[in-house]
Amino acid sequence: MSESIIGKKSFEFAVIIVNFYRKFTVDKKEYVLSKQLLRSGTSVGANVREALNAQSRLDFIHKLSISQKECDETIYWLELLYETQYISKEEFEKLKNPAMEVLKIIRSIIITTKSKNS
């Protein structure tokens, strides 16, 4: 199967999240919020991968919808880490920007796929 843009972007985002988590837990000794971020941030790409191997158009939409929710949850955890001053504005933006890019792509794919389904 050829590499999809969303597959590539969501995997790259997961790598960013894993690397952030590894450094963050060492530097800040914070394990609860960061674990939530790790789970949701890596789940985005895992669900995209499942969507790319979907058995039907509806299954594809369903899996991407889960990925969309996980991406939005990841942004929530980033906002919480920022607002509670665990991360700086610079760190927040560095993590939020790729999350927003992935979220926008996922939403666009879902909208386009649904419109073709009508």
Protein backbone atom coordinates (compact mmCIF):
# COMPACT_ATOMS: atom_id res chain seq x y z
CA MET A 1 0.00 0.00 0.00
CA SER A 2 1.33 3.44 -0.87
CA GLU A 3 2.02 5.86 1.96
CA SER A 4 -0.86 8.24 2.62
CA ILE A 5 -0.30 11.81 3.78
CA ILE A 6 -2.44 11.32 6.88
CA GLY A 7 -0.70 8.03 7.65
CA LYS A 8 2.69 9.72 7.43
CA LYS A 9 1.66 12.86 9.37
CA SER A 10 -0.08 10.94 12.15
CA PHE A 11 2.93 8.64 12.56
CA GLU A 12 5.31 11.60 12.69
CA PHE A 13 3.05 13.19 15.31
CA ALA A 14 3.15 10.00 17.40
CA VAL A 15 6.95 10.09 17.28
CA ILE A 16 6.90 13.71 18.50
CA ILE A 17 4.58 12.74 21.36
CA VAL A 18 6.68 9.72 22.39
CA ASN A 19 9.88 11.77 22.40
CA PHE A 20 8.18 14.56 24.36
CA TYR A 21 6.82 12.04 26.89
CA ARG A 22 10.25 10.47 27.44
CA LYS A 23 11.92 13.81 28.08
CA PHE A 24 9.00 15.29 30.04
CA THR A 25 8.76 12.44 32.54
CA VAL A 26 12.49 12.66 33.22
CA ASP A 27 12.58 16.46 33.51
CA LYS A 28 9.28 17.12 35.32
CA LYS A 29 8.68 13.80 37.07
CA GLU A 30 5.03 14.06 36.04
CA TYR A 31 3.43 10.75 35.09
CA VAL A 32 -0.37 11.09 35.14
CA LEU A 33 -1.18 13.87 32.65
CA SER A 34 1.75 12.94 30.44
CA LYS A 35 0.58 9.31 30.25
CA GLN A 36 -2.85 10.51 29.09
CA LEU A 37 -1.11 12.62 26.44
CA LEU A 38 0.99 9.64 25.36
CA ARG A 39 -2.04 7.37 25.06
CA SER A 40 -4.21 9.75 23.06
CA GLY A 41 -1.33 11.11 20.95
CA THR A 42 -0.20 7.68 19.80
CA SER A 43 -3.77 6.45 19.36
CA VAL A 44 -4.32 9.00 16.59
CA GLY A 45 -1.94 7.25 14.23
CA ALA A 46 -3.00 3.77 15.30
CA ASN A 47 -6.61 4.55 14.38
CA VAL A 48 -5.54 6.18 11.11
CA ARG A 49 -3.67 2.96 10.30
CA GLU A 50 -6.83 0.97 11.05
CA ALA A 51 -8.84 3.33 8.84
CA LEU A 52 -6.43 2.84 5.97
CA ASN A 53 -7.12 -0.88 6.25
CA ALA A 54 -10.88 -0.48 6.64
CA GLN A 55 -13.25 -3.06 5.24
CA SER A 56 -15.76 -0.51 3.97
CA ARG A 57 -16.33 3.21 3.52
CA LEU A 58 -18.40 3.29 6.73
CA ASP A 59 -15.65 1.46 8.62
CA PHE A 60 -13.13 3.96 7.23
CA ILE A 61 -15.23 6.90 8.45
CA HIS A 62 -15.74 5.25 11.83
CA LYS A 63 -12.02 4.63 12.40
CA LEU A 64 -11.10 8.14 11.26
CA SER A 65 -13.77 9.55 13.58
CA ILE A 66 -12.09 7.78 16.50
CA SER A 67 -8.76 9.19 15.37
CA GLN A 68 -10.31 12.68 15.24
CA LYS A 69 -11.56 12.31 18.82
CA GLU A 70 -8.16 11.10 20.01
CA CYS A 71 -6.44 14.03 18.31
CA ASP A 72 -8.82 16.49 19.93
CA GLU A 73 -8.24 14.80 23.30
CA THR A 74 -4.49 15.17 22.77
CA ILE A 75 -4.95 18.89 22.24
CA TYR A 76 -6.97 19.00 25.48
CA TRP A 77 -4.08 17.42 27.44
CA LEU A 78 -1.63 19.85 25.84
CA GLU A 79 -3.85 22.78 26.82
CA LEU A 80 -4.09 21.46 30.36
CA LEU A 81 -0.31 21.01 30.62
CA TYR A 82 0.15 24.57 29.36
CA GLU A 83 -2.48 26.16 31.61
CA THR A 84 -1.06 24.39 34.67
CA GLN A 85 2.41 25.64 33.71
CA TYR A 86 3.98 22.25 33.15
CA ILE A 87 4.99 23.34 29.66
CA SER A 88 5.98 26.71 28.23
CA LYS A 89 4.12 28.54 25.49
CA GLU A 90 6.91 27.56 23.09
CA GLU A 91 6.62 23.85 23.99
CA PHE A 92 2.83 24.10 23.76
CA GLU A 93 2.93 25.61 20.27
CA LYS A 94 5.57 23.12 19.13
CA LEU A 95 3.23 20.26 20.06
CA LYS A 96 -0.14 21.83 19.31
CA ASN A 97 0.66 22.96 15.76
CA PRO A 98 1.27 19.46 14.34
CA ALA A 99 -1.74 18.17 16.29
CA MET A 100 -3.94 20.83 14.71
CA GLU A 101 -2.55 20.02 11.27
CA VAL A 102 -3.36 16.32 11.69
CA LEU A 103 -6.82 17.16 13.09
CA LYS A 104 -7.64 19.41 10.11
CA ILE A 105 -6.54 16.74 7.62
CA ILE A 106 -8.61 14.07 9.37
CA ARG A 107 -11.69 16.31 9.47
CA SER A 108 -11.27 17.14 5.79
CA ILE A 109 -10.98 13.47 4.84
CA ILE A 110 -14.09 12.60 6.85
CA ILE A 111 -16.12 15.41 5.27
CA THR A 112 -14.98 14.48 1.75
CA THR A 113 -15.64 10.78 2.29
CA LYS A 114 -19.10 11.45 3.72
CA SER A 115 -20.01 13.70 0.80
CA LYS A 116 -19.05 10.92 -1.63
CA ASN A 117 -21.23 8.56 0.39
CA SER A 118 -24.39 10.63 -0.21
